[in-house]
Amino acid sequence: VPIGDDPLPVFAKADGVLDFTTPASTVEFAGYAAQARIVHVVGTTGCTADDNAKIAAAARHATIVKSGNM
């Protein structure tokens, strides 16, 4: 995997992403998953209502499976 500062090309080459990061990263990754139209499996805890709303918006364009307790 090439190292770079733009994660979107990496997301675009993936079938899906497993995400156990921070809430801020999860929201950002949900946006990338939506742009790449890939599956995003989220196990991140501590998401706020605002974070969840942003993830739900991204889920209009990507399959997102989210559970704070995996």
PDB file of N, CA and C in Angstrom:
ATOM      1  N   VAL A   1       0.851  -1.174   0.000  1.00  0.00           N
ATOM      2  CA  VAL A   1       0.000   0.000   0.000  1.00  0.00           C
ATOM      3  C   VAL A   1       0.894   1.233   0.000  1.00  0.00           C
ATOM      4  N   PRO A   2       0.744   2.084  -0.999  1.00  0.00           N
ATOM      5  CA  PRO A   2       1.527   3.316  -1.021  1.00  0.00           C
ATOM      6  C   PRO A   2       1.120   4.240   0.128  1.00  0.00           C
ATOM      7  N   ILE A   3       2.072   4.980   0.632  1.00  0.00           N
ATOM      8  CA  ILE A   3       1.812   5.937   1.708  1.00  0.00           C
ATOM      9  C   ILE A   3       1.556   7.301   1.084  1.00  0.00           C
ATOM     10  N   GLY A   4       0.502   7.971   1.539  1.00  0.00           N
ATOM     11  CA  GLY A   4       0.176   9.289   1.016  1.00  0.00           C
ATOM     12  C   GLY A   4      -0.671  10.054   2.009  1.00  0.00           C
ATOM     13  N   ASP A   5      -1.054  11.256   1.630  1.00  0.00           N
ATOM     14  CA  ASP A   5      -1.840  12.081   2.542  1.00  0.00           C
ATOM     15  C   ASP A   5      -3.322  12.148   2.157  1.00  0.00           C
ATOM     16  N   ASP A   6      -3.722  11.406   1.125  1.00  0.00           N
ATOM     17  CA  ASP A   6      -5.116  11.369   0.702  1.00  0.00           C
ATOM     18  C   ASP A   6      -5.636   9.939   0.822  1.00  0.00           C
ATOM     19  N   PRO A   7      -6.489   9.654   1.811  1.00  0.00           N
ATOM     20  CA  PRO A   7      -6.963   8.284   2.001  1.00  0.00           C
ATOM     21  C   PRO A   7      -7.998   7.821   0.977  1.00  0.00           C
ATOM     22  N   LEU A   8      -8.620   8.732   0.240  1.00  0.00           N
ATOM     23  CA  LEU A   8      -9.687   8.332  -0.674  1.00  0.00           C
ATOM     24  C   LEU A   8      -9.245   7.299  -1.708  1.00  0.00           C
ATOM     25  N   PRO A   9      -8.066   7.421  -2.335  1.00  0.00           N
ATOM     26  CA  PRO A   9      -7.667   6.386  -3.295  1.00  0.00           C
ATOM     27  C   PRO A   9      -7.539   4.990  -2.667  1.00  0.00           C
ATOM     28  N   VAL A  10      -7.139   4.936  -1.413  1.00  0.00           N
ATOM     29  CA  VAL A  10      -7.037   3.646  -0.721  1.00  0.00           C
ATOM     30  C   VAL A  10      -8.439   3.091  -0.470  1.00  0.00           C
ATOM     31  N   PHE A  11      -9.349   3.939  -0.021  1.00  0.00           N
ATOM     32  CA  PHE A  11     -10.735   3.513   0.185  1.00  0.00           C
ATOM     33  C   PHE A  11     -11.336   3.024  -1.127  1.00  0.00           C
ATOM     34  N   ALA A  12     -11.043   3.717  -2.217  1.00  0.00           N
ATOM     35  CA  ALA A  12     -11.622   3.374  -3.515  1.00  0.00           C
ATOM     36  C   ALA A  12     -11.164   2.007  -4.013  1.00  0.00           C
ATOM     37  N   LYS A  13     -10.013   1.549  -3.563  1.00  0.00           N
ATOM     38  CA  LYS A  13      -9.495   0.242  -3.985  1.00  0.00           C
ATOM     39  C   LYS A  13      -9.956  -0.894  -3.071  1.00  0.00           C
ATOM     40  N   ALA A  14     -10.582  -0.549  -1.950  1.00  0.00           N
ATOM     41  CA  ALA A  14     -10.990  -1.557  -0.967  1.00  0.00           C
ATOM     42  C   ALA A  14     -12.418  -2.031  -1.233  1.00  0.00           C
ATOM     43  N   ASP A  15     -12.706  -3.253  -0.808  1.00  0.00           N
ATOM     44  CA  ASP A  15     -14.085  -3.745  -0.827  1.00  0.00           C
ATOM     45  C   ASP A  15     -14.838  -3.232   0.392  1.00  0.00           C
ATOM     46  N   GLY A  16     -14.107  -3.008   1.474  1.00  0.00           N
ATOM     47  CA  GLY A  16     -14.699  -2.531   2.710  1.00  0.00           C
ATOM     48  C   GLY A  16     -13.628  -2.123   3.692  1.00  0.00           C
ATOM     49  N   VAL A  17     -14.057  -1.445   4.759  1.00  0.00           N
ATOM     50  CA  VAL A  17     -13.139  -0.963   5.790  1.00  0.00           C
ATOM     51  C   VAL A  17     -13.683  -1.359   7.156  1.00  0.00           C
ATOM     52  N   LEU A  18     -12.826  -1.940   7.986  1.00  0.00           N
ATOM     53  CA  LEU A  18     -13.154  -2.217   9.388  1.00  0.00           C
ATOM     54  C   LEU A  18     -12.593  -1.065  10.207  1.00  0.00           C
ATOM     55  N   ASP A  19     -13.428  -0.430  11.001  1.00  0.00           N
ATOM     56  CA  ASP A  19     -13.053   0.816  11.671  1.00  0.00           C
ATOM     57  C   ASP A  19     -13.276   0.714  13.176  1.00  0.00           C
ATOM     58  N   PHE A  20     -12.182   0.730  13.914  1.00  0.00           N
ATOM     59  CA  PHE A  20     -12.215   0.765  15.377  1.00  0.00           C
ATOM     60  C   PHE A  20     -11.338   1.922  15.834  1.00  0.00           C
ATOM     61  N   THR A  21     -11.585   3.108  15.284  1.00  0.00           N
ATOM     62  CA  THR A  21     -10.749   4.280  15.548  1.00  0.00           C
ATOM     63  C   THR A  21     -11.467   5.223  16.503  1.00  0.00           C
ATOM     64  N   THR A  22     -11.196   6.506  16.384  1.00  0.00           N
ATOM     65  CA  THR A  22     -11.845   7.532  17.201  1.00  0.00           C
ATOM     66  C   THR A  22     -13.128   8.001  16.522  1.00  0.00           C
ATOM     67  N   PRO A  23     -14.047   8.599  17.279  1.00  0.00           N
ATOM     68  CA  PRO A  23     -15.265   9.107  16.651  1.00  0.00           C
ATOM     69  C   PRO A  23     -14.990  10.091  15.502  1.00  0.00           C
ATOM     70  N   ALA A  24     -14.041  10.991  15.675  1.00  0.00           N
ATOM     71  CA  ALA A  24     -13.729  11.960  14.612  1.00  0.00           C
ATOM     72  C   ALA A  24     -13.236  11.251  13.353  1.00  0.00           C
ATOM     73  N   SER A  25     -12.386  10.259  13.528  1.00  0.00           N
ATOM     74  CA  SER A  25     -11.891   9.501  12.372  1.00  0.00           C
ATOM     75  C   SER A  25     -13.007   8.698  11.726  1.00  0.00           C
ATOM     76  N   THR A  26     -13.880   8.133  12.534  1.00  0.00           N
ATOM     77  CA  THR A  26     -14.990   7.344  12.006  1.00  0.00           C
ATOM     78  C   THR A  26     -15.893   8.192  11.121  1.00  0.00           C
ATOM     79  N   VAL A  27     -16.193   9.407  11.559  1.00  0.00           N
ATOM     80  CA  VAL A  27     -17.023  10.306  10.752  1.00  0.00           C
ATOM     81  C   VAL A  27     -16.326  10.607   9.428  1.00  0.00           C
ATOM     82  N   GLU A  28     -15.034  10.880   9.492  1.00  0.00           N
ATOM     83  CA  GLU A  28     -14.269  11.157   8.273  1.00  0.00           C
ATOM     84  C   GLU A  28     -14.249   9.929   7.359  1.00  0.00           C
ATOM     85  N   PHE A  29     -14.008   8.761   7.942  1.00  0.00           N
ATOM     86  CA  PHE A  29     -13.957   7.527   7.156  1.00  0.00           C
ATOM     87  C   PHE A  29     -15.318   7.212   6.530  1.00  0.00           C
ATOM     88  N   ALA A  30     -16.400   7.521   7.236  1.00  0.00           N
ATOM     89  CA  ALA A  30     -17.739   7.299   6.676  1.00  0.00           C
ATOM     90  C   ALA A  30     -17.918   8.117   5.400  1.00  0.00           C
ATOM     91  N   GLY A  31     -17.393   9.326   5.413  1.00  0.00           N
ATOM     92  CA  GLY A  31     -17.452  10.158   4.213  1.00  0.00           C
ATOM     93  C   GLY A  31     -16.671   9.563   3.061  1.00  0.00           C
ATOM     94  N   TYR A  32     -15.483   9.045   3.359  1.00  0.00           N
ATOM     95  CA  TYR A  32     -14.680   8.396   2.315  1.00  0.00           C
ATOM     96  C   TYR A  32     -15.372   7.137   1.798  1.00  0.00           C
ATOM     97  N   ALA A  33     -15.955   6.363   2.706  1.00  0.00           N
ATOM     98  CA  ALA A  33     -16.665   5.148   2.295  1.00  0.00           C
ATOM     99  C   ALA A  33     -17.840   5.501   1.385  1.00  0.00           C
ATOM    100  N   ALA A  34     -18.530   6.587   1.711  1.00  0.00           N
ATOM    101  CA  ALA A  34     -19.651   7.025   0.880  1.00  0.00           C
ATOM    102  C   ALA A  34     -19.171   7.427  -0.510  1.00  0.00           C
ATOM    103  N   GLN A  35     -18.074   8.165  -0.566  1.00  0.00           N
ATOM    104  CA  GLN A  35     -17.537   8.584  -1.864  1.00  0.00           C
ATOM    105  C   GLN A  35     -17.085   7.385  -2.694  1.00  0.00           C
ATOM    106  N   ALA A  36     -16.490   6.403  -2.018  1.00  0.00           N
ATOM    107  CA  ALA A  36     -15.972   5.218  -2.714  1.00  0.00           C
ATOM    108  C   ALA A  36     -17.045   4.153  -2.921  1.00  0.00           C
ATOM    109  N   ARG A  37     -18.221   4.334  -2.268  1.00  0.00           N
ATOM    110  CA  ARG A  37     -19.325   3.380  -2.364  1.00  0.00           C
ATOM    111  C   ARG A  37     -18.916   1.984  -1.893  1.00  0.00           C
ATOM    112  N   ILE A  38     -18.258   1.936  -0.727  1.00  0.00           N
ATOM    113  CA  ILE A  38     -17.808   0.658  -0.176  1.00  0.00           C
ATOM    114  C   ILE A  38     -18.481   0.404   1.169  1.00  0.00           C
ATOM    115  N   VAL A  39     -18.295  -0.788   1.687  1.00  0.00           N
ATOM    116  CA  VAL A  39     -18.824  -1.171   2.996  1.00  0.00           C
ATOM    117  C   VAL A  39     -17.924  -0.598   4.087  1.00  0.00           C
ATOM    118  N   HIS A  40     -18.547  -0.048   5.127  1.00  0.00           N
ATOM    119  CA  HIS A  40     -17.824   0.514   6.269  1.00  0.00           C
ATOM    120  C   HIS A  40     -18.393  -0.135   7.526  1.00  0.00           C
ATOM    121  N   VAL A  41     -17.597  -0.963   8.186  1.00  0.00           N
ATOM    122  CA  VAL A  41     -18.001  -1.628   9.424  1.00  0.00           C
ATOM    123  C   VAL A  41     -17.387  -0.860  10.580  1.00  0.00           C
ATOM    124  N   VAL A  42     -18.238  -0.318  11.451  1.00  0.00           N
ATOM    125  CA  VAL A  42     -17.797   0.579  12.519  1.00  0.00           C
ATOM    126  C   VAL A  42     -17.994  -0.083  13.877  1.00  0.00           C
ATOM    127  N   GLY A  43     -16.918  -0.153  14.653  1.00  0.00           N
ATOM    128  CA  GLY A  43     -16.979  -0.636  16.023  1.00  0.00           C
ATOM    129  C   GLY A  43     -16.521   0.424  17.007  1.00  0.00           C
ATOM    130  N   THR A  44     -16.440   1.649  16.546  1.00  0.00           N
ATOM    131  CA  THR A  44     -15.980   2.774  17.364  1.00  0.00           C
ATOM    132  C   THR A  44     -17.004   3.096  18.444  1.00  0.00           C
ATOM    133  N   THR A  45     -16.532   3.374  19.644  1.00  0.00           N
ATOM    134  CA  THR A  45     -17.408   3.788  20.743  1.00  0.00           C
ATOM    135  C   THR A  45     -17.250   5.285  20.980  1.00  0.00           C
ATOM    136  N   GLY A  46     -18.217   5.868  21.667  1.00  0.00           N
ATOM    137  CA  GLY A  46     -18.124   7.267  22.061  1.00  0.00           C
ATOM    138  C   GLY A  46     -18.625   8.261  21.032  1.00  0.00           C
ATOM    139  N   CYS A  47     -19.346   7.805  20.017  1.00  0.00           N
ATOM    140  CA  CYS A  47     -19.875   8.725  19.010  1.00  0.00           C
ATOM    141  C   CYS A  47     -21.023   9.540  19.609  1.00  0.00           C
ATOM    142  N   THR A  48     -21.044  10.826  19.279  1.00  0.00           N
ATOM    143  CA  THR A  48     -22.113  11.712  19.742  1.00  0.00           C
ATOM    144  C   THR A  48     -23.305  11.615  18.796  1.00  0.00           C
ATOM    145  N   ALA A  49     -24.400  12.251  19.176  1.00  0.00           N
ATOM    146  CA  ALA A  49     -25.575  12.290  18.302  1.00  0.00           C
ATOM    147  C   ALA A  49     -25.228  12.970  16.979  1.00  0.00           C
ATOM    148  N   ASP A  50     -24.401  14.008  17.033  1.00  0.00           N
ATOM    149  CA  ASP A  50     -23.970  14.698  15.813  1.00  0.00           C
ATOM    150  C   ASP A  50     -23.129  13.770  14.937  1.00  0.00           C
ATOM    151  N   ASP A  51     -22.211  13.019  15.568  1.00  0.00           N
ATOM    152  CA  ASP A  51     -21.406  12.039  14.821  1.00  0.00           C
ATOM    153  C   ASP A  51     -22.320  11.022  14.143  1.00  0.00           C
ATOM    154  N   ASN A  52     -23.286  10.501  14.898  1.00  0.00           N
ATOM    155  CA  ASN A  52     -24.201   9.493  14.353  1.00  0.00           C
ATOM    156  C   ASN A  52     -25.028  10.045  13.194  1.00  0.00           C
ATOM    157  N   ALA A  53     -25.404  11.320  13.269  1.00  0.00           N
ATOM    158  CA  ALA A  53     -26.151  11.939  12.172  1.00  0.00           C
ATOM    159  C   ALA A  53     -25.292  12.023  10.912  1.00  0.00           C
ATOM    160  N   LYS A  54     -24.015  12.344  11.078  1.00  0.00           N
ATOM    161  CA  LYS A  54     -23.105  12.417   9.927  1.00  0.00           C
ATOM    162  C   LYS A  54     -22.866  11.031   9.334  1.00  0.00           C
ATOM    163  N   ILE A  55     -22.749  10.033  10.191  1.00  0.00           N
ATOM    164  CA  ILE A  55     -22.577   8.654   9.722  1.00  0.00           C
ATOM    165  C   ILE A  55     -23.835   8.204   8.981  1.00  0.00           C
ATOM    166  N   ALA A  56     -25.001   8.543   9.512  1.00  0.00           N
ATOM    167  CA  ALA A  56     -26.263   8.190   8.854  1.00  0.00           C
ATOM    168  C   ALA A  56     -26.373   8.860   7.486  1.00  0.00           C
ATOM    169  N   ALA A  57     -25.908  10.091   7.383  1.00  0.00           N
ATOM    170  CA  ALA A  57     -25.928  10.781   6.087  1.00  0.00           C
ATOM    171  C   ALA A  57     -25.027  10.062   5.088  1.00  0.00           C
ATOM    172  N   ALA A  58     -23.863   9.617   5.538  1.00  0.00           N
ATOM    173  CA  ALA A  58     -22.944   8.880   4.661  1.00  0.00           C
ATOM    174  C   ALA A  58     -23.552   7.549   4.241  1.00  0.00           C
ATOM    175  N   ALA A  59     -24.382   6.976   5.113  1.00  0.00           N
ATOM    176  CA  ALA A  59     -24.994   5.675   4.831  1.00  0.00           C
ATOM    177  C   ALA A  59     -26.002   5.733   3.686  1.00  0.00           C
ATOM    178  N   ARG A  60     -26.336   6.924   3.231  1.00  0.00           N
ATOM    179  CA  ARG A  60     -27.193   7.027   2.044  1.00  0.00           C
ATOM    180  C   ARG A  60     -26.445   6.593   0.785  1.00  0.00           C
ATOM    181  N   HIS A  61     -25.096   6.576   0.860  1.00  0.00           N
ATOM    182  CA  HIS A  61     -24.278   6.265  -0.315  1.00  0.00           C
ATOM    183  C   HIS A  61     -23.345   5.080  -0.103  1.00  0.00           C
ATOM    184  N   ALA A  62     -23.326   4.526   1.098  1.00  0.00           N
ATOM    185  CA  ALA A  62     -22.460   3.385   1.408  1.00  0.00           C
ATOM    186  C   ALA A  62     -23.209   2.466   2.363  1.00  0.00           C
ATOM    187  N   THR A  63     -22.841   1.200   2.359  1.00  0.00           N
ATOM    188  CA  THR A  63     -23.380   0.278   3.349  1.00  0.00           C
ATOM    189  C   THR A  63     -22.556   0.446   4.611  1.00  0.00           C
ATOM    190  N   ILE A  64     -23.193   0.898   5.682  1.00  0.00           N
ATOM    191  CA  ILE A  64     -22.487   1.110   6.945  1.00  0.00           C
ATOM    192  C   ILE A  64     -23.133   0.235   8.008  1.00  0.00           C
ATOM    193  N   VAL A  65     -22.311  -0.581   8.655  1.00  0.00           N
ATOM    194  CA  VAL A  65     -22.736  -1.419   9.769  1.00  0.00           C
ATOM    195  C   VAL A  65     -22.061  -0.844  11.000  1.00  0.00           C
ATOM    196  N   LYS A  66     -22.859  -0.395  11.988  1.00  0.00           N
ATOM    197  CA  LYS A  66     -22.282   0.280  13.152  1.00  0.00           C
ATOM    198  C   LYS A  66     -22.787  -0.356  14.432  1.00  0.00           C
ATOM    199  N   SER A  67     -21.841  -0.691  15.299  1.00  0.00           N
ATOM    200  CA  SER A  67     -22.158  -1.200  16.625  1.00  0.00           C
ATOM    201  C   SER A  67     -21.075  -0.730  17.575  1.00  0.00           C
ATOM    202  N   GLY A  68     -21.460  -0.078  18.647  1.00  0.00           N
ATOM    203  CA  GLY A  68     -20.485   0.392  19.618  1.00  0.00           C
ATOM    204  C   GLY A  68     -20.019  -0.698  20.565  1.00  0.00           C
ATOM    205  N   ASN A  69     -20.484  -1.925  20.367  1.00  0.00           N
ATOM    206  CA  ASN A  69     -20.132  -3.016  21.263  1.00  0.00           C
ATOM    207  C   ASN A  69     -19.974  -4.299  20.453  1.00  0.00           C
ATOM    208  N   MET A  70     -18.791  -4.468  19.848  1.00  0.00           N
ATOM    209  CA  MET A  70     -18.548  -5.665  19.024  1.00  0.00           C
ATOM    210  C   MET A  70     -17.635  -6.615  19.747  1.00  0.00           C
TER     211      MET A  70
END
